[in-house]
C-alpha atoms as a PDB file:
ATOM      1  CA  MET A   1      47.083  39.132  11.041  1.00  0.00           C
ATOM      2  CA  TYR A   2      44.461  37.491  13.303  1.00  0.00           C
ATOM      3  CA  ILE A   3      44.665  36.013  17.008  1.00  0.00           C
ATOM      4  CA  GLU A   4      43.456  32.906  17.527  1.00  0.00           C
ATOM      5  CA  LYS A   5      41.376  34.256  20.365  1.00  0.00           C
ATOM      6  CA  GLU A   6      38.991  35.737  17.628  1.00  0.00           C
ATOM      7  CA  PHE A   7      38.184  33.014  16.133  1.00  0.00           C
ATOM      8  CA  ASN A   8      37.015  30.512  19.596  1.00  0.00           C
ATOM      9  CA  ASP A   9      35.165  33.625  20.765  1.00  0.00           C
ATOM     10  CA  SER A  10      32.714  32.957  17.400  1.00  0.00           C
ATOM     11  CA  LYS A  11      30.326  30.460  17.634  1.00  0.00           C
ATOM     12  CA  SER A  12      31.031  26.869  16.591  1.00  0.00           C
ATOM     13  CA  ASP A  13      27.636  26.194  14.711  1.00  0.00           C
ATOM     14  CA  THR A  14      28.237  28.398  12.295  1.00  0.00           C
ATOM     15  CA  TYR A  15      30.909  25.733  11.070  1.00  0.00           C
ATOM     16  CA  GLU A  16      30.475  22.918   8.991  1.00  0.00           C
ATOM     17  CA  VAL A  17      32.445  19.322   8.404  1.00  0.00           C
ATOM     18  CA  ILE A  18      33.037  18.722   4.785  1.00  0.00           C
ATOM     19  CA  THR A  19      35.516  15.754   3.369  1.00  0.00           C
ATOM     20  CA  GLU A  20      38.204  16.385   2.082  1.00  0.00           C
ATOM     21  CA  GLU A  21      37.435  15.715  -1.522  1.00  0.00           C
ATOM     22  CA  GLU A  22      34.688  18.737  -0.917  1.00  0.00           C
ATOM     23  CA  LEU A  23      37.182  20.804   0.080  1.00  0.00           C
ATOM     24  CA  TYR A  24      39.329  20.606  -2.801  1.00  0.00           C
ATOM     25  CA  LYS A  25      36.706  20.906  -5.149  1.00  0.00           C
ATOM     26  CA  ARG A  26      35.788  24.410  -3.532  1.00  0.00           C
ATOM     27  CA  ILE A  27      39.411  25.733  -3.330  1.00  0.00           C
ATOM     28  CA  PRO A  28      41.311  23.698  -6.636  1.00  0.00           C
ATOM     29  CA  ILE A  29      45.144  25.158  -5.687  1.00  0.00           C
ATOM     30  CA  LEU A  30      44.703  22.641  -1.817  1.00  0.00           C
ATOM     31  CA  ARG A  31      45.153  19.575  -4.141  1.00  0.00           C
ATOM     32  CA  ASN A  32      48.974  18.365  -3.642  1.00  0.00           C
ATOM     33  CA  GLN A  33      49.356  20.786  -0.692  1.00  0.00           C
ATOM     34  CA  LEU A  34      49.124  19.653   2.328  1.00  0.00           C
ATOM     35  CA  THR A  35      50.902  16.651   3.104  1.00  0.00           C
ATOM     36  CA  GLU A  36      51.526  15.262   7.126  1.00  0.00           C
ATOM     37  CA  GLU A  37      54.826  16.233   6.955  1.00  0.00           C
ATOM     38  CA  GLU A  38      54.661  20.175   6.948  1.00  0.00           C
ATOM     39  CA  GLU A  39      52.028  21.338   9.366  1.00  0.00           C
ATOM     40  CA  LYS A  40      50.466  24.559   7.198  1.00  0.00           C
ATOM     41  CA  PHE A  41      47.623  27.626   7.938  1.00  0.00           C
ATOM     42  CA  ILE A  42      45.479  28.703   5.014  1.00  0.00           C
ATOM     43  CA  MET A  43      43.499  31.942   4.964  1.00  0.00           C
ATOM     44  CA  ILE A  44      41.429  33.202   1.935  1.00  0.00           C
ATOM     45  CA  ASP A  45      41.095  36.322   1.241  1.00  0.00           C
ATOM     46  CA  TYR A  46      37.570  37.604   0.620  1.00  0.00           C
ATOM     47  CA  GLU A  47      37.774  39.804  -1.209  1.00  0.00           C
ATOM     48  CA  ASN A  48      39.875  39.048  -4.141  1.00  0.00           C
ATOM     49  CA  GLY A  49      39.504  34.955  -3.707  1.00  0.00           C
ATOM     50  CA  LYS A  50      43.663  34.411  -3.328  1.00  0.00           C
ATOM     51  CA  VAL A  51      44.703  31.443  -1.055  1.00  0.00           C
ATOM     52  CA  TYR A  52      47.176  31.964   1.041  1.00  0.00           C
ATOM     53  CA  ILE A  53      48.693  28.533   2.213  1.00  0.00           C
ATOM     54  CA  ASN A  54      51.727  29.085   4.436  1.00  0.00           C
ATOM     55  CA  PRO A  55      53.954  26.937   6.307  1.00  0.00           C
ATOM     56  CA  LYS A  56      54.192  26.996  10.003  1.00  0.00           C
ATOM     57  CA  HIS A  57      57.847  27.753  10.678  1.00  0.00           C
ATOM     58  CA  LYS A  58      60.262  26.542  13.601  1.00  0.00           C
ATOM     59  CA  LEU A  59      61.446  29.411  15.451  1.00  0.00           C
ATOM     60  CA  LYS A  60      64.366  30.755  16.900  1.00  0.00           C
ATOM     61  CA  SER A  61      64.095  32.980  19.252  1.00  0.00           C
ATOM     62  CA  VAL A  62      62.805  33.005  22.724  1.00  0.00           C
ATOM     63  CA  PHE A  63      61.087  36.653  21.961  1.00  0.00           C
ATOM     64  CA  THR A  64      59.295  35.995  19.218  1.00  0.00           C
ATOM     65  CA  ASP A  65      55.078  36.177  19.854  1.00  0.00           C
ATOM     66  CA  ASN A  66      53.571  33.330  17.588  1.00  0.00           C
ATOM     67  CA  SER A  67      50.745  33.777  18.953  1.00  0.00           C
ATOM     68  CA  ALA A  68      49.204  36.049  15.599  1.00  0.00           C
ATOM     69  CA  ARG A  69      49.334  34.238  12.362  1.00  0.00           C
ATOM     70  CA  ALA A  70      49.936  36.768   9.336  1.00  0.00           C
ATOM     71  CA  THR A  71      47.117  36.665   5.947  1.00  0.00           C
ATOM     72  CA  ASN A  72      50.212  36.821   3.557  1.00  0.00           C
ATOM     73  CA  GLN A  73      52.784  36.020   5.223  1.00  0.00           C
ATOM     74  CA  ALA A  74      56.748  36.285   4.433  1.00  0.00           C
ATOM     75  CA  ASN A  75      57.697  33.189   4.034  1.00  0.00           C
ATOM     76  CA  PHE A  76      61.223  34.878   3.564  1.00  0.00           C
ATOM     77  CA  THR A  77      64.585  32.861   4.472  1.00  0.00           C
ATOM     78  CA  ALA A  78      66.631  35.565   5.730  1.00  0.00           C
ATOM     79  CA  ASN A  79      70.196  35.657   6.162  1.00  0.00           C
ATOM     80  CA  ILE A  80      71.254  36.534   9.082  1.00  0.00           C
ATOM     81  CA  TRP A  81      74.868  37.754   8.456  1.00  0.00           C
ATOM     82  CA  THR A  82      73.792  39.556   5.491  1.00  0.00           C
ATOM     83  CA  TYR A  83      71.090  41.118   8.917  1.00  0.00           C
ATOM     84  CA  VAL A  84      74.322  42.311  10.814  1.00  0.00           C
ATOM     85  CA  ILE A  85      76.411  44.323   8.115  1.00  0.00           C
ATOM     86  CA  ASN A  86      73.451  46.125   6.435  1.00  0.00           C
ATOM     87  CA  ARG A  87      72.652  47.563  10.355  1.00  0.00           C
ATOM     88  CA  LYS A  88      76.646  47.794  11.168  1.00  0.00           C
ATOM     89  CA  SER A  89      75.828  51.304  12.631  1.00  0.00           C
ATOM     90  CA  TYR A  90      73.163  49.704  15.295  1.00  0.00           C
ATOM     91  CA  TYR A  91      75.476  47.308  15.880  1.00  0.00           C
ATOM     92  CA  PHE A  92      78.787  49.514  16.443  1.00  0.00           C
ATOM     93  CA  LYS A  93      76.404  50.792  19.213  1.00  0.00           C
ATOM     94  CA  ILE A  94      76.004  47.671  20.516  1.00  0.00           C
ATOM     95  CA  ILE A  95      80.169  47.254  20.702  1.00  0.00           C
ATOM     96  CA  PHE A  96      80.377  50.538  22.427  1.00  0.00           C
ATOM     97  CA  ILE A  97      78.058  49.915  25.296  1.00  0.00           C
ATOM     98  CA  SER A  98      79.743  46.105  25.319  1.00  0.00           C
ATOM     99  CA  ILE A  99      82.803  48.165  26.172  1.00  0.00           C
ATOM    100  CA  LEU A 100      81.620  50.692  28.577  1.00  0.00           C
ATOM    101  CA  ILE A 101      80.398  48.131  31.127  1.00  0.00           C
ATOM    102  CA  ILE A 102      83.452  46.471  30.954  1.00  0.00           C
ATOM    103  CA  ILE A 103      85.405  49.426  31.791  1.00  0.00           C
ATOM    104  CA  ALA A 104      82.798  50.117  34.487  1.00  0.00           C
ATOM    105  CA  SER A 105      83.396  46.356  35.552  1.00  0.00           C
ATOM    106  CA  TYR A 106      86.890  47.468  35.870  1.00  0.00           C
ATOM    107  CA  LEU A 107      86.813  50.304  37.794  1.00  0.00           C
ATOM    108  CA  ILE A 108      84.071  49.925  40.331  1.00  0.00           C
ATOM    109  CA  SER A 109      82.922  46.016  40.333  1.00  0.00           C
ATOM    110  CA  TRP A 110      82.810  42.801  38.126  1.00  0.00           C
ATOM    111  CA  ALA A 111      79.862  42.337  38.991  1.00  0.00           C
ATOM    112  CA  ILE A 112      78.566  44.736  36.713  1.00  0.00           C
ATOM    113  CA  LEU A 113      79.503  42.006  34.215  1.00  0.00           C
ATOM    114  CA  ASN A 114      75.994  40.662  34.730  1.00  0.00           C
ATOM    115  CA  LEU A 115      73.965  43.485  33.261  1.00  0.00           C
ATOM    116  CA  LEU A 116      76.630  42.567  30.221  1.00  0.00           C
ATOM    117  CA  PHE A 117      75.771  39.311  30.477  1.00  0.00           C
ATOM    118  CA  TRP A 118      71.788  40.038  30.121  1.00  0.00           C
ATOM    119  CA  PHE A 119      72.388  42.979  27.739  1.00  0.00           C
ATOM    120  CA  LEU A 120      73.895  39.753  24.929  1.00  0.00           C
ATOM    121  CA  PHE A 121      71.037  38.134  25.988  1.00  0.00           C
ATOM    122  CA  TYR A 122      68.372  40.041  25.001  1.00  0.00           C
ATOM    123  CA  THR A 123      70.730  41.586  21.637  1.00  0.00           C
ATOM    124  CA  TYR A 124      71.216  38.311  20.164  1.00  0.00           C
ATOM    125  CA  PHE A 125      68.041  37.086  20.619  1.00  0.00           C
ATOM    126  CA  SER A 126      66.332  40.458  19.924  1.00  0.00           C
ATOM    127  CA  THR A 127      68.619  39.083  16.348  1.00  0.00           C
ATOM    128  CA  LEU A 128      67.435  36.308  16.412  1.00  0.00           C
ATOM    129  CA  GLY A 129      63.237  37.119  17.073  1.00  0.00           C
ATOM    130  CA  ALA A 130      63.939  40.079  13.925  1.00  0.00           C
ATOM    131  CA  ILE A 131      65.338  37.568  12.032  1.00  0.00           C
ATOM    132  CA  ASP A 132      62.359  35.263  12.596  1.00  0.00           C
ATOM    133  CA  ASN A 133      59.388  37.400  12.047  1.00  0.00           C
ATOM    134  CA  TYR A 134      61.186  37.438   8.140  1.00  0.00           C
ATOM    135  CA  ASN A 135      59.110  34.155   7.961  1.00  0.00           C
ATOM    136  CA  VAL A 136      55.875  34.512  10.286  1.00  0.00           C
ATOM    137  CA  GLY A 137      55.713  38.226   9.767  1.00  0.00           C
ATOM    138  CA  THR A 138      52.660  40.046   7.480  1.00  0.00           C
ATOM    139  CA  LEU A 139      54.491  41.173   3.408  1.00  0.00           C
ATOM    140  CA  ASN A 140      53.361  44.398   3.290  1.00  0.00           C
ATOM    141  CA  ALA A 141      53.949  47.095   1.219  1.00  0.00           C
ATOM    142  CA  SER A 142      55.962  49.892   1.874  1.00  0.00           C
ATOM    143  CA  ILE A 143      57.795  53.110  -0.417  1.00  0.00           C
ATOM    144  CA  VAL A 144      61.206  54.918   0.405  1.00  0.00           C
ATOM    145  CA  ILE A 145      59.542  58.948   1.161  1.00  0.00           C
ATOM    146  CA  THR A 146      62.462  60.645   2.126  1.00  0.00           C
ATOM    147  CA  LYS A 147      65.500  61.279   2.349  1.00  0.00           C
ATOM    148  CA  TRP A 148      67.900  62.979   5.162  1.00  0.00           C
ATOM    149  CA  PRO A 149      66.529  61.350   7.030  1.00  0.00           C
ATOM    150  CA  THR A 150      64.869  58.245   5.395  1.00  0.00           C
ATOM    151  CA  ARG A 151      61.684  57.696   5.599  1.00  0.00           C
ATOM    152  CA  ILE A 152      59.538  54.526   4.749  1.00  0.00           C
ATOM    153  CA  ALA A 153      55.904  54.864   4.134  1.00  0.00           C
ATOM    154  CA  VAL A 154      54.479  51.077   4.638  1.00  0.00           C
ATOM    155  CA  LEU A 155      50.410  50.549   4.509  1.00  0.00           C
ATOM    156  CA  THR A 156      49.176  47.196   6.418  1.00  0.00           C
ATOM    157  CA  ASP A 157      45.977  46.553   8.207  1.00  0.00           C
ATOM    158  CA  LEU A 158      45.750  46.419  12.101  1.00  0.00           C
ATOM    159  CA  SER A 159      43.103  43.832  12.462  1.00  0.00           C
ATOM    160  CA  MET A 160      43.249  40.793  14.638  1.00  0.00           C
ATOM    161  CA  GLY A 161      40.908  39.013  12.171  1.00  0.00           C
ATOM    162  CA  LEU A 162      37.821  41.061  12.509  1.00  0.00           C
ATOM    163  CA  GLY A 163      37.017  44.400  11.072  1.00  0.00           C
ATOM    164  CA  LYS A 164      39.463  47.003   8.427  1.00  0.00           C
ATOM    165  CA  TYR A 165      41.354  48.656   9.865  1.00  0.00           C
ATOM    166  CA  PRO A 166      44.249  50.003   7.293  1.00  0.00           C
ATOM    167  CA  VAL A 167      46.895  52.171   8.147  1.00  0.00           C
ATOM    168  CA  VAL A 168      50.155  54.089   6.971  1.00  0.00           C
ATOM    169  CA  ARG A 169      52.625  53.617   9.033  1.00  0.00           C
ATOM    170  CA  ILE A 170      55.736  56.057   8.622  1.00  0.00           C
ATOM    171  CA  CYS A 171      59.386  55.066  10.129  1.00  0.00           C
ATOM    172  CA  LYS A 172      62.924  56.456  10.283  1.00  0.00           C
ATOM    173  CA  MET A 173      64.747  53.702   8.759  1.00  0.00           C
ATOM    174  CA  LYS A 174      68.295  52.955   7.648  1.00  0.00           C
ATOM    175  CA  ILE A 175      68.360  51.250   4.143  1.00  0.00           C
ATOM    176  CA  PRO A 176      71.143  50.287   1.678  1.00  0.00           C
ATOM    177  CA  ARG A 177      72.284  53.000  -0.210  1.00  0.00           C
ATOM    178  CA  LYS A 178      70.984  51.315  -3.385  1.00  0.00           C
ATOM    179  CA  TYR A 179      67.600  50.651  -1.821  1.00  0.00           C
ATOM    180  CA  ASN A 180      67.615  55.169  -0.821  1.00  0.00           C
ATOM    181  CA  LYS A 181      65.592  56.661  -3.089  1.00  0.00           C
ATOM    182  CA  ILE A 182      62.484  58.560  -3.668  1.00  0.00           C
ATOM    183  CA  ASN A 183      59.667  56.097  -4.384  1.00  0.00           C
ATOM    184  CA  GLU A 184      61.921  52.847  -4.087  1.00  0.00           C
ATOM    185  CA  ARG A 185      59.308  49.832  -3.318  1.00  0.00           C
ATOM    186  CA  ILE A 186      60.860  48.193  -1.036  1.00  0.00           C
ATOM    187  CA  PRO A 187      59.141  44.567   1.077  1.00  0.00           C
ATOM    188  CA  VAL A 188      59.005  44.593   4.343  1.00  0.00           C
ATOM    189  CA  SER A 189      57.563  41.770   7.030  1.00  0.00           C
ATOM    190  CA  CYS A 190      55.813  43.695   9.619  1.00  0.00           C
ATOM    191  CA  GLY A 191      55.275  42.217  12.909  1.00  0.00           C
ATOM    192  CA  TYR A 192      52.305  43.332  15.392  1.00  0.00           C
ATOM    193  CA  GLN A 193      51.502  44.383  18.801  1.00  0.00           C
ATOM    194  CA  ASN A 194      48.561  45.010  21.474  1.00  0.00           C
ATOM    195  CA  VAL A 195      49.440  47.452  24.459  1.00  0.00           C
ATOM    196  CA  GLU A 196      46.069  49.225  24.595  1.00  0.00           C
ATOM    197  CA  ASP A 197      42.129  47.281  25.484  1.00  0.00           C
ATOM    198  CA  GLN A 198      41.583  48.003  21.639  1.00  0.00           C
ATOM    199  CA  ASN A 199      40.430  45.979  18.600  1.00  0.00           C
ATOM    200  CA  PHE A 200      42.835  46.357  16.467  1.00  0.00           C
ATOM    201  CA  TRP A 201      47.240  45.974  16.645  1.00  0.00           C
ATOM    202  CA  ASP A 202      48.246  49.337  18.405  1.00  0.00           C
ATOM    203  CA  TYR A 203      51.739  48.175  17.450  1.00  0.00           C
ATOM    204  CA  VAL A 204      53.596  47.897  14.654  1.00  0.00           C
ATOM    205  CA  MET A 205      57.429  47.291  13.589  1.00  0.00           C
ATOM    206  CA  PRO A 206      58.060  47.067   9.859  1.00  0.00           C
ATOM    207  CA  ASN A 207      62.045  44.669   8.816  1.00  0.00           C
ATOM    208  CA  PRO A 208      62.960  45.760   5.327  1.00  0.00           C
ATOM    209  CA  LEU A 209      63.583  42.405   3.353  1.00  0.00           C
ATOM    210  CA  VAL A 210      66.766  44.653   1.969  1.00  0.00           C
ATOM    211  CA  TYR A 211      67.488  43.983   5.182  1.00  0.00           C
ATOM    212  CA  ALA A 212      68.165  40.657   5.577  1.00  0.00           C
ATOM    213  CA  THR A 213      69.540  39.880   1.441  1.00  0.00           C
ATOM    214  CA  ASN A 214      71.386  40.886  -1.282  1.00  0.00           C
ATOM    215  CA  ASN A 215      69.929  39.265  -3.843  1.00  0.00           C
ATOM    216  CA  GLU A 216      67.948  41.359  -5.445  1.00  0.00           C
ATOM    217  CA  LYS A 217      65.661  38.922  -7.758  1.00  0.00           C
ATOM    218  CA  ALA A 218      64.459  37.959  -4.177  1.00  0.00           C
ATOM    219  CA  ILE A 219      63.230  41.275  -4.001  1.00  0.00           C
ATOM    220  CA  GLN A 220      62.000  41.768  -6.490  1.00  0.00           C
ATOM    221  CA  GLN A 221      60.121  38.030  -6.329  1.00  0.00           C
ATOM    222  CA  LYS A 222      58.359  39.172  -3.253  1.00  0.00           C
ATOM    223  CA  ILE A 223      57.465  43.011  -4.616  1.00  0.00           C
ATOM    224  CA  ASN A 224      55.456  40.640  -6.295  1.00  0.00           C
ATOM    225  CA  GLU A 225      53.391  38.562  -4.628  1.00  0.00           C
ATOM    226  CA  ILE A 226      52.066  41.809  -2.840  1.00  0.00           C
ATOM    227  CA  PRO A 227      48.914  42.374  -4.342  1.00  0.00           C
ATOM    228  CA  THR A 228      49.018  45.965  -7.026  1.00  0.00           C
ATOM    229  CA  GLN A 229      46.356  47.521  -5.801  1.00  0.00           C
ATOM    230  CA  GLU A 230      48.198  48.257  -2.198  1.00  0.00           C
ATOM    231  CA  TRP A 231      51.465  49.468  -4.228  1.00  0.00           C
ATOM    232  CA  ILE A 232      48.283  51.829  -5.513  1.00  0.00           C
ATOM    233  CA  ASP A 233      46.128  53.068  -2.863  1.00  0.00           C
ATOM    234  CA  LEU A 234      49.910  53.608  -1.091  1.00  0.00           C
ATOM    235  CA  LYS A 235      50.875  55.999  -3.845  1.00  0.00           C
ATOM    236  CA  SER A 236      47.618  56.976  -3.940  1.00  0.00           C
ATOM    237  CA  TRP A 237      48.305  58.286   0.026  1.00  0.00           C
ATOM    238  CA  ILE A 238      51.891  59.353  -0.090  1.00  0.00           C
ATOM    239  CA  LYS A 239      50.639  61.962  -3.289  1.00  0.00           C
ATOM    240  CA  THR A 240      48.307  62.869  -1.186  1.00  0.00           C
ATOM    241  CA  ASN A 241      49.825  63.157   2.454  1.00  0.00           C
ATOM    242  CA  ARG A 242      53.086  65.039   0.911  1.00  0.00           C
ATOM    243  CA  SER A 243      52.865  68.101   3.913  1.00  0.00           C
ATOM    244  CA  ASN A 244      52.828  65.629   6.683  1.00  0.00           C
ATOM    245  CA  PHE A 245      55.830  62.754   5.372  1.00  0.00           C
ATOM    246  CA  TYR A 246      56.842  62.654   9.868  1.00  0.00           C
ATOM    247  CA  GLU A 247      57.015  59.080  11.950  1.00  0.00           C
ATOM    248  CA  GLY A 248      53.739  58.174  13.065  1.00  0.00           C
ATOM    249  CA  TYR A 249      50.144  55.639  12.272  1.00  0.00           C
ATOM    250  CA  TYR A 250      48.043  57.614   9.912  1.00  0.00           C
ATOM    251  CA  PRO A 251      44.540  56.013  10.071  1.00  0.00           C
ATOM    252  CA  ILE A 252      43.223  55.377   6.137  1.00  0.00           C
ATOM    253  CA  ARG A 253      39.434  56.548   7.095  1.00  0.00           C
ATOM    254  CA  ALA A 254      36.830  55.430   4.568  1.00  0.00           C
ATOM    255  CA  ASP A 255      32.941  54.321   4.819  1.00  0.00           C
ATOM    256  CA  ASP A 256      33.997  50.441   4.345  1.00  0.00           C
ATOM    257  CA  ASN A 257      36.173  50.190   7.058  1.00  0.00           C
ATOM    258  CA  ASN A 258      36.327  50.435  10.309  1.00  0.00           C
ATOM    259  CA  TRP A 259      38.067  53.146  12.052  1.00  0.00           C
ATOM    260  CA  LYS A 260      34.780  55.006  12.608  1.00  0.00           C
ATOM    261  CA  GLU A 261      34.383  53.146  16.327  1.00  0.00           C
ATOM    262  CA  TYR A 262      37.685  54.899  17.504  1.00  0.00           C
ATOM    263  CA  GLU A 263      37.608  58.656  16.997  1.00  0.00           C
ATOM    264  CA  ASN A 264      41.002  59.152  18.662  1.00  0.00           C
ATOM    265  CA  PRO A 265      42.645  55.498  18.183  1.00  0.00           C
ATOM    266  CA  LYS A 266      45.971  54.932  20.662  1.00  0.00           C
ATOM    267  CA  PHE A 267      49.292  53.797  19.090  1.00  0.00           C
ATOM    268  CA  SER A 268      52.840  52.222  20.260  1.00  0.00           C
ATOM    269  CA  ALA A 269      55.518  54.061  19.174  1.00  0.00           C
ATOM    270  CA  PHE A 270      59.267  54.443  21.103  1.00  0.00           C
ATOM    271  CA  PHE A 271      61.699  57.359  20.468  1.00  0.00           C
ATOM    272  CA  GLU A 272      60.027  58.457  17.175  1.00  0.00           C
ATOM    273  CA  GLU A 273      60.188  61.965  15.796  1.00  0.00           C
ATOM    274  CA  LYS A 274      57.943  64.873  17.338  1.00  0.00           C
ATOM    275  CA  LYS A 275      56.311  66.504  14.801  1.00  0.00           C
ATOM    276  CA  PRO A 276      56.997  70.189  14.371  1.00  0.00           C
ATOM    277  CA  VAL A 277      54.144  71.859  15.926  1.00  0.00           C
ATOM    278  CA  ARG A 278      52.011  75.030  13.500  1.00  0.00           C
ATOM    279  CA  ILE A 279      51.465  77.862  14.781  1.00  0.00           C
ATOM    280  CA  LYS A 280      48.222  79.570  13.635  1.00  0.00           C
ATOM    281  CA  ARG A 281      50.039  83.630  12.900  1.00  0.00           C
ATOM    282  CA  ARG A 282      47.155  85.959  13.737  1.00  0.00           C
END
């Protein structure tokens, strides 16, 4: 995923203008793909030569950040009611908190209802933001690695457009029962944010596609759209890190990426479990 600033900072004299026909000669897959009726943006993965032609989606939420562009955009149409049902425990909490606010308004002051309005306003647009993310987020590979609690491992690249910052993100998720199996492959659409002043995204929120549909064929199609090498790399990481399945970010350090620039990179997380402290015995 990249941000426009990375390209604005690059030197314009390094680019050349070519004709439309020359573009089609260089990238034949683009022919008949670029129509004026629908805005699109194109990303090319120069490592494997794959061309991604992504539509520009109309956003539903005022909270959705569209300043970044995904390379492999998820382009997944989520069903909002399926999403709510599959996350019913979360929305039961929303209802419970709303009832408490109403009771407090009755017992203390009706002015407290203003808090309820803003709480429901935020919840509504946050839900729409999650639905937006299924369209505009980055499609990534994830695998269920533990049960009780369920944790998934997500392989993604935190690059903002320049450099490579591969990482495995482990987080707790309540997955629908039929997918909640060890080693189950689950496609996710990831949203990214930057909190610290670093050259990579330091916060990742994966949204499992299985939340947003009951269509198994649609899920399988998205699994197939994820490059095979990403599934291989993720399984390899899981195999060699079985003793460290706790929530957090795990940079994959190698000579061909940019993690060597950061000895202690900072990542952002909220309400994550604490890793057990290992005490060395004498």
